[in-house]
C-alpha atoms as a PDB file:
ATOM      1  CA  MET A   1       6.564 -36.223 -10.713  1.00  0.00           C
ATOM      2  CA  ASP A   2       7.910 -34.134 -13.596  1.00  0.00           C
ATOM      3  CA  PRO A   3       5.337 -31.499 -14.617  1.00  0.00           C
ATOM      4  CA  GLU A   4       6.893 -31.309 -18.060  1.00  0.00           C
ATOM      5  CA  SER A   5       6.854 -35.009 -18.878  1.00  0.00           C
ATOM      6  CA  GLU A   6       3.248 -35.812 -18.068  1.00  0.00           C
ATOM      7  CA  GLY A   7      -0.145 -34.207 -17.994  1.00  0.00           C
ATOM      8  CA  PRO A   8      -2.787 -33.234 -20.523  1.00  0.00           C
ATOM      9  CA  PRO A   9      -1.809 -31.672 -23.852  1.00  0.00           C
ATOM     10  CA  ILE A  10      -1.525 -27.894 -23.805  1.00  0.00           C
ATOM     11  CA  THR A  11      -3.916 -25.935 -25.998  1.00  0.00           C
ATOM     12  CA  THR A  12      -2.213 -23.029 -27.708  1.00  0.00           C
ATOM     13  CA  VAL A  13      -3.211 -19.397 -27.328  1.00  0.00           C
ATOM     14  CA  THR A  14      -3.309 -17.156 -30.387  1.00  0.00           C
ATOM     15  CA  PRO A  15      -1.165 -13.998 -30.598  1.00  0.00           C
ATOM     16  CA  LEU A  16      -4.343 -11.880 -30.550  1.00  0.00           C
ATOM     17  CA  GLN A  17      -5.423 -13.535 -27.309  1.00  0.00           C
ATOM     18  CA  GLN A  18      -1.953 -12.960 -25.835  1.00  0.00           C
ATOM     19  CA  MET A  19      -2.230  -9.293 -26.795  1.00  0.00           C
ATOM     20  CA  PHE A  20      -5.605  -8.970 -25.083  1.00  0.00           C
ATOM     21  CA  ALA A  21      -4.318 -10.674 -21.911  1.00  0.00           C
ATOM     22  CA  SER A  22      -1.255  -8.411 -21.748  1.00  0.00           C
ATOM     23  CA  CYS A  23      -3.376  -5.312 -22.399  1.00  0.00           C
ATOM     24  CA  THR A  24      -5.602  -6.174 -19.440  1.00  0.00           C
ATOM     25  CA  GLY A  25      -2.570  -6.732 -17.239  1.00  0.00           C
ATOM     26  CA  ALA A  26      -1.017  -3.410 -18.220  1.00  0.00           C
ATOM     27  CA  ILE A  27      -4.196  -1.490 -17.385  1.00  0.00           C
ATOM     28  CA  LEU A  28      -4.638  -3.170 -13.991  1.00  0.00           C
ATOM     29  CA  THR A  29      -0.976  -2.684 -13.088  1.00  0.00           C
ATOM     30  CA  SER A  30      -1.041   0.997 -14.046  1.00  0.00           C
ATOM     31  CA  LEU A  31      -4.193   1.540 -11.977  1.00  0.00           C
ATOM     32  CA  MET A  32      -2.511  -0.078  -8.990  1.00  0.00           C
ATOM     33  CA  VAL A  33       0.903   1.617  -9.134  1.00  0.00           C
ATOM     34  CA  THR A  34      -0.002   5.162 -10.264  1.00  0.00           C
ATOM     35  CA  PRO A  35      -1.167   6.384  -6.792  1.00  0.00           C
ATOM     36  CA  PHE A  36       2.192   5.421  -5.280  1.00  0.00           C
ATOM     37  CA  ASP A  37       4.015   7.394  -7.964  1.00  0.00           C
ATOM     38  CA  VAL A  38       1.787  10.435  -7.488  1.00  0.00           C
ATOM     39  CA  VAL A  39       2.505  10.439  -3.741  1.00  0.00           C
ATOM     40  CA  LYS A  40       6.233   9.875  -4.337  1.00  0.00           C
ATOM     41  CA  ILE A  41       6.454  12.770  -6.780  1.00  0.00           C
ATOM     42  CA  ARG A  42       4.537  15.109  -4.475  1.00  0.00           C
ATOM     43  CA  LEU A  43       6.801  14.228  -1.541  1.00  0.00           C
ATOM     44  CA  GLN A  44       9.882  14.865  -3.641  1.00  0.00           C
ATOM     45  CA  ALA A  45       8.490  18.089  -5.038  1.00  0.00           C
ATOM     46  CA  GLN A  46       7.985  19.748  -1.652  1.00  0.00           C
ATOM     47  CA  ASN A  47      11.739  19.615  -1.044  1.00  0.00           C
ATOM     48  CA  ASN A  48      12.857  19.976  -4.676  1.00  0.00           C
ATOM     49  CA  PRO A  49      10.424  22.251  -6.551  1.00  0.00           C
ATOM     50  CA  PHE A  50      10.088  21.482 -10.247  1.00  0.00           C
ATOM     51  CA  PRO A  51      11.948  23.962 -12.467  1.00  0.00           C
ATOM     52  CA  LYS A  52       9.841  25.224 -15.361  1.00  0.00           C
ATOM     53  CA  GLY A  53      10.145  23.163 -18.505  1.00  0.00           C
ATOM     54  CA  LYS A  54      12.437  20.566 -16.957  1.00  0.00           C
ATOM     55  CA  CYS A  55      11.904  16.819 -17.194  1.00  0.00           C
ATOM     56  CA  PHE A  56      11.435  14.256 -14.488  1.00  0.00           C
ATOM     57  CA  LEU A  57      11.096  10.495 -14.433  1.00  0.00           C
ATOM     58  CA  TYR A  58       7.680   8.941 -13.899  1.00  0.00           C
ATOM     59  CA  SER A  59       7.339   5.186 -13.564  1.00  0.00           C
ATOM     60  CA  ASN A  60       4.410   2.814 -13.256  1.00  0.00           C
ATOM     61  CA  GLY A  61       6.555  -0.173 -12.322  1.00  0.00           C
ATOM     62  CA  LEU A  62       6.391  -1.626 -15.817  1.00  0.00           C
ATOM     63  CA  MET A  63       8.132   1.152 -17.661  1.00  0.00           C
ATOM     64  CA  ASP A  64       9.485   4.665 -17.154  1.00  0.00           C
ATOM     65  CA  HIS A  65       8.189   7.870 -18.690  1.00  0.00           C
ATOM     66  CA  LEU A  66       9.720  11.274 -19.214  1.00  0.00           C
ATOM     67  CA  CYS A  67       7.274  14.024 -18.289  1.00  0.00           C
ATOM     68  CA  VAL A  68       7.717  17.751 -18.852  1.00  0.00           C
ATOM     69  CA  CYS A  69       7.069  19.997 -15.889  1.00  0.00           C
ATOM     70  CA  GLU A  70       4.684  22.897 -15.956  1.00  0.00           C
ATOM     71  CA  GLU A  71       5.694  25.811 -18.163  1.00  0.00           C
ATOM     72  CA  GLU A  72       4.357  29.343 -17.854  1.00  0.00           C
ATOM     73  CA  GLY A  73       0.734  29.473 -18.940  1.00  0.00           C
ATOM     74  CA  ASN A  74       0.339  25.697 -19.124  1.00  0.00           C
ATOM     75  CA  LYS A  75      -1.117  23.278 -16.611  1.00  0.00           C
ATOM     76  CA  ALA A  76       0.815  20.118 -15.816  1.00  0.00           C
ATOM     77  CA  TRP A  77      -0.844  16.869 -14.769  1.00  0.00           C
ATOM     78  CA  TYR A  78       0.304  17.267 -11.159  1.00  0.00           C
ATOM     79  CA  LYS A  79      -0.549  20.111  -8.768  1.00  0.00           C
ATOM     80  CA  LYS A  80       1.701  22.164  -6.508  1.00  0.00           C
ATOM     81  CA  PRO A  81       3.079  20.171  -3.592  1.00  0.00           C
ATOM     82  CA  GLY A  82       1.692  20.476  -0.081  1.00  0.00           C
ATOM     83  CA  ARG A  83       3.386  20.024   3.270  1.00  0.00           C
ATOM     84  CA  PHE A  84       3.486  16.298   3.953  1.00  0.00           C
ATOM     85  CA  GLN A  85       5.027  14.494   6.918  1.00  0.00           C
ATOM     86  CA  GLY A  86       5.364  11.138   5.198  1.00  0.00           C
ATOM     87  CA  THR A  87       3.804   8.703   2.749  1.00  0.00           C
ATOM     88  CA  LEU A  88       0.613   7.976   4.715  1.00  0.00           C
ATOM     89  CA  ASP A  89       0.162  11.665   5.547  1.00  0.00           C
ATOM     90  CA  ALA A  90       0.545  12.513   1.849  1.00  0.00           C
ATOM     91  CA  PHE A  91      -2.086   9.944   0.869  1.00  0.00           C
ATOM     92  CA  LEU A  92      -4.586  11.277   3.396  1.00  0.00           C
ATOM     93  CA  LYS A  93      -4.015  14.973   2.625  1.00  0.00           C
ATOM     94  CA  ILE A  94      -4.167  14.508  -1.127  1.00  0.00           C
ATOM     95  CA  ILE A  95      -7.460  12.608  -0.825  1.00  0.00           C
ATOM     96  CA  ARG A  96      -8.928  15.135   1.637  1.00  0.00           C
ATOM     97  CA  ASN A  97      -7.834  18.302  -0.181  1.00  0.00           C
ATOM     98  CA  GLU A  98      -7.997  17.268  -3.833  1.00  0.00           C
ATOM     99  CA  GLY A  99     -10.213  14.197  -3.952  1.00  0.00           C
ATOM    100  CA  ILE A 100      -9.365  10.551  -4.443  1.00  0.00           C
ATOM    101  CA  LYS A 101      -9.262  10.964  -8.231  1.00  0.00           C
ATOM    102  CA  SER A 102      -6.075  13.025  -7.920  1.00  0.00           C
ATOM    103  CA  LEU A 103      -4.187   9.874  -6.904  1.00  0.00           C
ATOM    104  CA  TRP A 104      -4.502   8.806 -10.520  1.00  0.00           C
ATOM    105  CA  SER A 105      -3.145  12.041 -11.984  1.00  0.00           C
ATOM    106  CA  GLY A 106      -1.055  11.261 -15.033  1.00  0.00           C
ATOM    107  CA  LEU A 107      -2.803   7.953 -15.676  1.00  0.00           C
ATOM    108  CA  PRO A 108      -3.839   8.737 -19.300  1.00  0.00           C
ATOM    109  CA  PRO A 109      -0.278   9.393 -20.550  1.00  0.00           C
ATOM    110  CA  THR A 110       0.888   6.349 -18.613  1.00  0.00           C
ATOM    111  CA  LEU A 111      -1.656   4.120 -20.342  1.00  0.00           C
ATOM    112  CA  VAL A 112      -0.824   5.616 -23.740  1.00  0.00           C
ATOM    113  CA  MET A 113       2.712   4.288 -23.393  1.00  0.00           C
ATOM    114  CA  ALA A 114       2.297   1.310 -21.059  1.00  0.00           C
ATOM    115  CA  VAL A 115      -0.405  -0.529 -22.997  1.00  0.00           C
ATOM    116  CA  PRO A 116       1.273  -0.729 -26.439  1.00  0.00           C
ATOM    117  CA  ALA A 117       4.713  -1.345 -24.906  1.00  0.00           C
ATOM    118  CA  THR A 118       3.406  -4.165 -22.712  1.00  0.00           C
ATOM    119  CA  VAL A 119       1.380  -5.757 -25.504  1.00  0.00           C
ATOM    120  CA  ILE A 120       4.421  -5.823 -27.804  1.00  0.00           C
ATOM    121  CA  TYR A 121       6.748  -7.015 -25.052  1.00  0.00           C
ATOM    122  CA  PHE A 122       4.712  -9.906 -23.647  1.00  0.00           C
ATOM    123  CA  THR A 123       3.352 -11.118 -26.975  1.00  0.00           C
ATOM    124  CA  CYS A 124       6.819 -11.104 -28.553  1.00  0.00           C
ATOM    125  CA  TYR A 125       8.249 -12.955 -25.564  1.00  0.00           C
ATOM    126  CA  ASP A 126       5.699 -15.757 -25.779  1.00  0.00           C
ATOM    127  CA  GLN A 127       5.968 -16.044 -29.545  1.00  0.00           C
ATOM    128  CA  LEU A 128       9.782 -16.134 -29.430  1.00  0.00           C
ATOM    129  CA  THR A 129       9.718 -18.648 -26.589  1.00  0.00           C
ATOM    130  CA  ALA A 130       7.446 -20.973 -28.550  1.00  0.00           C
ATOM    131  CA  LEU A 131       9.650 -20.652 -31.637  1.00  0.00           C
ATOM    132  CA  LEU A 132      12.887 -21.317 -29.748  1.00  0.00           C
ATOM    133  CA  ARG A 133      11.413 -24.311 -27.903  1.00  0.00           C
ATOM    134  CA  SER A 134      10.352 -25.840 -31.204  1.00  0.00           C
ATOM    135  CA  LYS A 135      13.948 -25.494 -32.430  1.00  0.00           C
ATOM    136  CA  LEU A 136      16.000 -26.149 -29.289  1.00  0.00           C
ATOM    137  CA  GLY A 137      13.703 -28.273 -27.134  1.00  0.00           C
ATOM    138  CA  GLU A 138      11.481 -27.632 -24.122  1.00  0.00           C
ATOM    139  CA  ASN A 139      14.249 -27.920 -21.515  1.00  0.00           C
ATOM    140  CA  GLU A 140      16.734 -25.422 -22.973  1.00  0.00           C
ATOM    141  CA  SER A 141      17.427 -23.067 -20.045  1.00  0.00           C
ATOM    142  CA  ARG A 142      18.704 -20.179 -22.194  1.00  0.00           C
ATOM    143  CA  ILE A 143      15.405 -19.691 -24.010  1.00  0.00           C
ATOM    144  CA  PRO A 144      13.858 -17.237 -21.471  1.00  0.00           C
ATOM    145  CA  ILE A 145      17.042 -15.131 -21.554  1.00  0.00           C
ATOM    146  CA  VAL A 146      17.191 -14.887 -25.343  1.00  0.00           C
ATOM    147  CA  ALA A 147      13.441 -14.366 -25.734  1.00  0.00           C
ATOM    148  CA  GLY A 148      13.386 -11.742 -22.966  1.00  0.00           C
ATOM    149  CA  ILE A 149      16.247  -9.770 -24.506  1.00  0.00           C
ATOM    150  CA  MET A 150      14.809  -9.850 -28.021  1.00  0.00           C
ATOM    151  CA  ALA A 151      11.287  -8.952 -26.869  1.00  0.00           C
ATOM    152  CA  ARG A 152      12.543  -5.990 -24.856  1.00  0.00           C
ATOM    153  CA  LEU A 153      14.720  -4.744 -27.704  1.00  0.00           C
ATOM    154  CA  GLY A 154      11.713  -4.840 -30.020  1.00  0.00           C
ATOM    155  CA  ALA A 155       9.344  -3.119 -27.589  1.00  0.00           C
ATOM    156  CA  VAL A 156      11.767  -0.294 -26.743  1.00  0.00           C
ATOM    157  CA  THR A 157      12.641   0.260 -30.406  1.00  0.00           C
ATOM    158  CA  VAL A 158       8.985   0.583 -31.405  1.00  0.00           C
ATOM    159  CA  ILE A 159       7.964   2.778 -28.465  1.00  0.00           C
ATOM    160  CA  SER A 160      10.922   5.218 -28.334  1.00  0.00           C
ATOM    161  CA  PRO A 161       9.616   7.614 -31.045  1.00  0.00           C
ATOM    162  CA  LEU A 162       6.185   7.652 -29.377  1.00  0.00           C
ATOM    163  CA  GLU A 163       7.856   8.580 -26.088  1.00  0.00           C
ATOM    164  CA  LEU A 164       9.457  11.632 -27.703  1.00  0.00           C
ATOM    165  CA  ILE A 165       6.149  12.733 -29.218  1.00  0.00           C
ATOM    166  CA  ARG A 166       4.201  12.176 -25.993  1.00  0.00           C
ATOM    167  CA  THR A 167       6.763  14.139 -23.976  1.00  0.00           C
ATOM    168  CA  LYS A 168       6.461  17.057 -26.383  1.00  0.00           C
ATOM    169  CA  MET A 169       2.673  16.947 -26.170  1.00  0.00           C
ATOM    170  CA  GLN A 170       2.849  17.172 -22.367  1.00  0.00           C
ATOM    171  CA  SER A 171       4.832  20.407 -22.480  1.00  0.00           C
ATOM    172  CA  LYS A 172       1.890  22.337 -23.918  1.00  0.00           C
ATOM    173  CA  LYS A 173      -1.152  21.883 -26.115  1.00  0.00           C
ATOM    174  CA  PHE A 174      -0.330  20.888 -29.673  1.00  0.00           C
ATOM    175  CA  SER A 175      -2.629  20.430 -32.639  1.00  0.00           C
ATOM    176  CA  TYR A 176      -1.924  17.441 -34.875  1.00  0.00           C
ATOM    177  CA  GLU A 177      -0.666  19.828 -37.531  1.00  0.00           C
ATOM    178  CA  GLU A 178       1.752  21.470 -35.097  1.00  0.00           C
ATOM    179  CA  LEU A 179       2.909  18.071 -33.903  1.00  0.00           C
ATOM    180  CA  HIS A 180       3.504  16.960 -37.485  1.00  0.00           C
ATOM    181  CA  ARG A 181       5.586  20.084 -38.115  1.00  0.00           C
ATOM    182  CA  PHE A 182       7.600  19.441 -34.963  1.00  0.00           C
ATOM    183  CA  VAL A 183       8.402  15.852 -35.976  1.00  0.00           C
ATOM    184  CA  SER A 184       9.213  16.889 -39.559  1.00  0.00           C
ATOM    185  CA  LYS A 185      11.530  19.623 -38.340  1.00  0.00           C
ATOM    186  CA  LYS A 186      13.213  17.260 -35.887  1.00  0.00           C
ATOM    187  CA  VAL A 187      13.832  14.697 -38.608  1.00  0.00           C
ATOM    188  CA  SER A 188      15.061  17.268 -41.150  1.00  0.00           C
ATOM    189  CA  GLU A 189      17.502  18.844 -38.675  1.00  0.00           C
ATOM    190  CA  ASP A 190      18.817  15.778 -36.828  1.00  0.00           C
ATOM    191  CA  GLY A 191      17.771  12.848 -39.014  1.00  0.00           C
ATOM    192  CA  TRP A 192      15.452   9.937 -38.297  1.00  0.00           C
ATOM    193  CA  ILE A 193      17.836   8.642 -35.634  1.00  0.00           C
ATOM    194  CA  SER A 194      16.886  11.609 -33.426  1.00  0.00           C
ATOM    195  CA  LEU A 195      13.493   9.992 -32.789  1.00  0.00           C
ATOM    196  CA  TRP A 196      15.340   7.229 -30.904  1.00  0.00           C
ATOM    197  CA  ARG A 197      17.467   9.515 -28.728  1.00  0.00           C
ATOM    198  CA  GLY A 198      16.456   7.810 -25.464  1.00  0.00           C
ATOM    199  CA  TRP A 199      16.914   4.302 -26.862  1.00  0.00           C
ATOM    200  CA  ALA A 200      20.449   3.561 -25.614  1.00  0.00           C
ATOM    201  CA  PRO A 201      19.993   4.425 -21.906  1.00  0.00           C
ATOM    202  CA  THR A 202      16.663   2.604 -21.880  1.00  0.00           C
ATOM    203  CA  ILE A 203      18.207  -0.546 -23.354  1.00  0.00           C
ATOM    204  CA  LEU A 204      21.088  -0.316 -20.876  1.00  0.00           C
ATOM    205  CA  ARG A 205      18.669  -0.848 -17.996  1.00  0.00           C
ATOM    206  CA  ASP A 206      15.774  -2.787 -19.526  1.00  0.00           C
ATOM    207  CA  VAL A 207      17.631  -5.553 -21.378  1.00  0.00           C
ATOM    208  CA  PRO A 208      19.549  -6.904 -18.325  1.00  0.00           C
ATOM    209  CA  PHE A 209      16.366  -6.595 -16.257  1.00  0.00           C
ATOM    210  CA  SER A 210      14.334  -8.498 -18.834  1.00  0.00           C
ATOM    211  CA  ALA A 211      16.889 -11.294 -19.192  1.00  0.00           C
ATOM    212  CA  MET A 212      17.127 -11.876 -15.441  1.00  0.00           C
ATOM    213  CA  TYR A 213      13.404 -11.435 -14.846  1.00  0.00           C
ATOM    214  CA  TRP A 214      12.237 -14.036 -17.373  1.00  0.00           C
ATOM    215  CA  TYR A 215      14.943 -16.565 -16.540  1.00  0.00           C
ATOM    216  CA  ASN A 216      14.209 -16.449 -12.804  1.00  0.00           C
ATOM    217  CA  TYR A 217      10.458 -16.335 -13.389  1.00  0.00           C
ATOM    218  CA  GLU A 218      10.485 -19.518 -15.474  1.00  0.00           C
ATOM    219  CA  VAL A 219      12.810 -21.295 -13.023  1.00  0.00           C
ATOM    220  CA  LEU A 220      10.760 -20.295  -9.972  1.00  0.00           C
ATOM    221  CA  LYS A 221       7.463 -21.183 -11.643  1.00  0.00           C
ATOM    222  CA  LYS A 222       8.746 -24.630 -12.633  1.00  0.00           C
ATOM    223  CA  TRP A 223      10.183 -25.232  -9.146  1.00  0.00           C
ATOM    224  CA  LEU A 224       6.987 -24.185  -7.351  1.00  0.00           C
ATOM    225  CA  CYS A 225       4.894 -26.370  -9.653  1.00  0.00           C
ATOM    226  CA  ALA A 226       7.141 -29.345  -8.922  1.00  0.00           C
ATOM    227  CA  LYS A 227       6.962 -28.717  -5.167  1.00  0.00           C
ATOM    228  CA  SER A 228       3.170 -28.517  -5.352  1.00  0.00           C
ATOM    229  CA  GLY A 229       2.814 -31.518  -7.630  1.00  0.00           C
ATOM    230  CA  LEU A 230       1.037 -29.460 -10.292  1.00  0.00           C
ATOM    231  CA  TYR A 231       1.177 -29.685 -14.082  1.00  0.00           C
ATOM    232  CA  GLU A 232       0.134 -26.056 -14.550  1.00  0.00           C
ATOM    233  CA  PRO A 233       0.950 -23.062 -12.310  1.00  0.00           C
ATOM    234  CA  THR A 234      -1.809 -21.510 -10.223  1.00  0.00           C
ATOM    235  CA  PHE A 235      -2.494 -17.775  -9.951  1.00  0.00           C
ATOM    236  CA  MET A 236      -0.540 -17.614  -6.674  1.00  0.00           C
ATOM    237  CA  ILE A 237       2.447 -19.462  -8.170  1.00  0.00           C
ATOM    238  CA  ASN A 238       2.568 -16.947 -11.035  1.00  0.00           C
ATOM    239  CA  PHE A 239       2.103 -14.061  -8.595  1.00  0.00           C
ATOM    240  CA  THR A 240       4.881 -15.254  -6.257  1.00  0.00           C
ATOM    241  CA  SER A 241       7.276 -16.056  -9.095  1.00  0.00           C
ATOM    242  CA  GLY A 242       6.683 -12.635 -10.664  1.00  0.00           C
ATOM    243  CA  ALA A 243       7.223 -10.757  -7.394  1.00  0.00           C
ATOM    244  CA  LEU A 244      10.434 -12.601  -6.481  1.00  0.00           C
ATOM    245  CA  SER A 245      11.979 -12.509  -9.947  1.00  0.00           C
ATOM    246  CA  GLY A 246      11.064  -8.837 -10.367  1.00  0.00           C
ATOM    247  CA  SER A 247      12.607  -7.948  -6.997  1.00  0.00           C
ATOM    248  CA  PHE A 248      15.837  -9.782  -7.783  1.00  0.00           C
ATOM    249  CA  ALA A 249      16.141  -8.189 -11.229  1.00  0.00           C
ATOM    250  CA  ALA A 250      15.406  -4.749  -9.760  1.00  0.00           C
ATOM    251  CA  VAL A 251      18.204  -5.062  -7.184  1.00  0.00           C
ATOM    252  CA  VAL A 252      20.774  -6.326  -9.675  1.00  0.00           C
ATOM    253  CA  THR A 253      19.971  -3.700 -12.327  1.00  0.00           C
ATOM    254  CA  LEU A 254      19.775  -0.777  -9.904  1.00  0.00           C
ATOM    255  CA  PRO A 255      23.098   0.733 -11.108  1.00  0.00           C
ATOM    256  CA  PHE A 256      21.793   0.667 -14.695  1.00  0.00           C
ATOM    257  CA  ASP A 257      18.600   2.369 -13.532  1.00  0.00           C
ATOM    258  CA  VAL A 258      20.629   5.171 -11.934  1.00  0.00           C
ATOM    259  CA  VAL A 259      22.603   5.662 -15.173  1.00  0.00           C
ATOM    260  CA  LYS A 260      19.370   5.768 -17.180  1.00  0.00           C
ATOM    261  CA  THR A 261      17.862   8.354 -14.857  1.00  0.00           C
ATOM    262  CA  GLN A 262      20.980  10.530 -14.970  1.00  0.00           C
ATOM    263  CA  LYS A 263      20.991  10.469 -18.759  1.00  0.00           C
ATOM    264  CA  GLN A 264      17.286  11.233 -19.172  1.00  0.00           C
ATOM    265  CA  THR A 265      16.471  13.700 -16.421  1.00  0.00           C
ATOM    266  CA  GLN A 266      17.741  16.983 -15.050  1.00  0.00           C
ATOM    267  CA  LEU A 267      16.115  16.630 -11.644  1.00  0.00           C
ATOM    268  CA  TRP A 268      16.394  14.242  -8.703  1.00  0.00           C
ATOM    269  CA  ILE A 269      19.532  12.261  -9.420  1.00  0.00           C
ATOM    270  CA  TYR A 270      19.448   9.762  -6.569  1.00  0.00           C
ATOM    271  CA  GLU A 271      22.138   7.737  -4.972  1.00  0.00           C
ATOM    272  CA  SER A 272      21.703   3.974  -5.277  1.00  0.00           C
ATOM    273  CA  GLN A 273      20.776   3.373  -1.678  1.00  0.00           C
ATOM    274  CA  LYS A 274      18.073   6.059  -1.785  1.00  0.00           C
ATOM    275  CA  ARG A 275      16.471   4.540  -4.872  1.00  0.00           C
ATOM    276  CA  LEU A 276      16.427   0.935  -3.788  1.00  0.00           C
ATOM    277  CA  ILE A 277      13.407   0.793  -1.486  1.00  0.00           C
ATOM    278  CA  PRO A 278      11.014   2.894  -3.642  1.00  0.00           C
ATOM    279  CA  ARG A 279      12.039   0.909  -6.718  1.00  0.00           C
ATOM    280  CA  LEU A 280      11.363  -2.414  -4.996  1.00  0.00           C
ATOM    281  CA  ILE A 281       8.044  -1.231  -3.557  1.00  0.00           C
ATOM    282  CA  LYS A 282       6.812  -0.510  -7.075  1.00  0.00           C
ATOM    283  CA  ILE A 283       8.441  -3.216  -9.134  1.00  0.00           C
ATOM    284  CA  ALA A 284       7.717  -6.259  -6.951  1.00  0.00           C
ATOM    285  CA  PRO A 285       3.910  -5.831  -6.863  1.00  0.00           C
ATOM    286  CA  ALA A 286       3.805  -4.489 -10.419  1.00  0.00           C
ATOM    287  CA  CYS A 287       5.627  -7.536 -11.795  1.00  0.00           C
ATOM    288  CA  ALA A 288       3.485  -9.852  -9.679  1.00  0.00           C
ATOM    289  CA  VAL A 289       0.174  -8.329 -10.767  1.00  0.00           C
ATOM    290  CA  MET A 290       1.212  -8.005 -14.407  1.00  0.00           C
ATOM    291  CA  ILE A 291       2.463 -11.558 -14.917  1.00  0.00           C
ATOM    292  CA  SER A 292      -0.275 -13.253 -12.858  1.00  0.00           C
ATOM    293  CA  THR A 293      -2.980 -11.310 -14.706  1.00  0.00           C
ATOM    294  CA  TYR A 294      -1.362 -12.106 -18.031  1.00  0.00           C
ATOM    295  CA  GLU A 295      -1.056 -15.809 -17.238  1.00  0.00           C
ATOM    296  CA  PHE A 296      -4.632 -15.877 -15.943  1.00  0.00           C
ATOM    297  CA  GLY A 297      -5.818 -14.332 -19.201  1.00  0.00           C
ATOM    298  CA  LYS A 298      -3.897 -16.902 -21.238  1.00  0.00           C
ATOM    299  CA  SER A 299      -5.292 -19.711 -19.108  1.00  0.00           C
ATOM    300  CA  PHE A 300      -8.814 -18.410 -19.698  1.00  0.00           C
ATOM    301  CA  PHE A 301      -8.291 -18.377 -23.458  1.00  0.00           C
ATOM    302  CA  GLN A 302      -6.686 -21.840 -23.348  1.00  0.00           C
ATOM    303  CA  LYS A 303      -9.837 -23.247 -21.745  1.00  0.00           C
ATOM    304  CA  GLN A 304     -12.031 -21.462 -24.279  1.00  0.00           C
ATOM    305  CA  ASN A 305      -9.959 -22.831 -27.166  1.00  0.00           C
ATOM    306  CA  ALA A 306     -10.003 -26.347 -25.701  1.00  0.00           C
ATOM    307  CA  GLN A 307     -13.788 -26.243 -25.424  1.00  0.00           C
ATOM    308  CA  ARG A 308     -14.103 -25.152 -29.051  1.00  0.00           C
ATOM    309  CA  GLN A 309     -11.884 -28.045 -30.149  1.00  0.00           C
ATOM    310  CA  GLN A 310     -14.191 -30.521 -28.432  1.00  0.00           C
ATOM    311  CA  TYR A 311     -17.196 -29.445 -30.511  1.00  0.00           C
END
């Protein structure tokens, strides 16, 4: 049985519905991954104390963030590190000494960047995929690669200036007037292009990842559907396809991730082998939760739209 050649007609999902589904996925993924990043940062900090005013990389599995460490007289989103014997010990001590809420330190700035970036990325991917399939046909294997690359380019380009502004706001408290003066001064001194200073290293890592992720995701999803004799993928098929494709893309693009980190941070430049396991631990479940939640949301809206068409 060929899942693509038979089966009921597919009801389309509107771009607004795709945006809502991706927004929900981004929030759930950030909630899930943030505690692991908090523990990771605290473990690293006890051996490599943060220098004042320096930057470090913070990732929620979907995207990376540059955060400014605590400066004199200002409070950062993380607290001073304790003495931890390992990951589980860090989890338990942080919860016991600081409360369970501290595991989600840094969540607000993560959501500020993750939600709009994810909404743009996933919605653009689906819209581009639909457009390319209407032009090239349903079975064109290069469509996920092209759509993934273009969607990531668009998302990074839109978000890069916001990343600069958010990083500045984390360094100390700024009024909107002060922030406006900072941006105006930056533009007048270095030009508008200065607002996209982190664009190149981000693209270097994210574009290859996106191309490989979407291609393998679509291939795995189609293969698992065929093996199961299904016309439409289930939640577990989406979850499994997302985890496997995300893991593969993470391994292949690891050298690009190291280059990106070296260009953007002044602290914790890891060797490839030291970065591999933590990167996989975050990316595999993050990709799985994000894509399965997104697909579930689209499926929900498809059913709602189909019911409306019947009446």
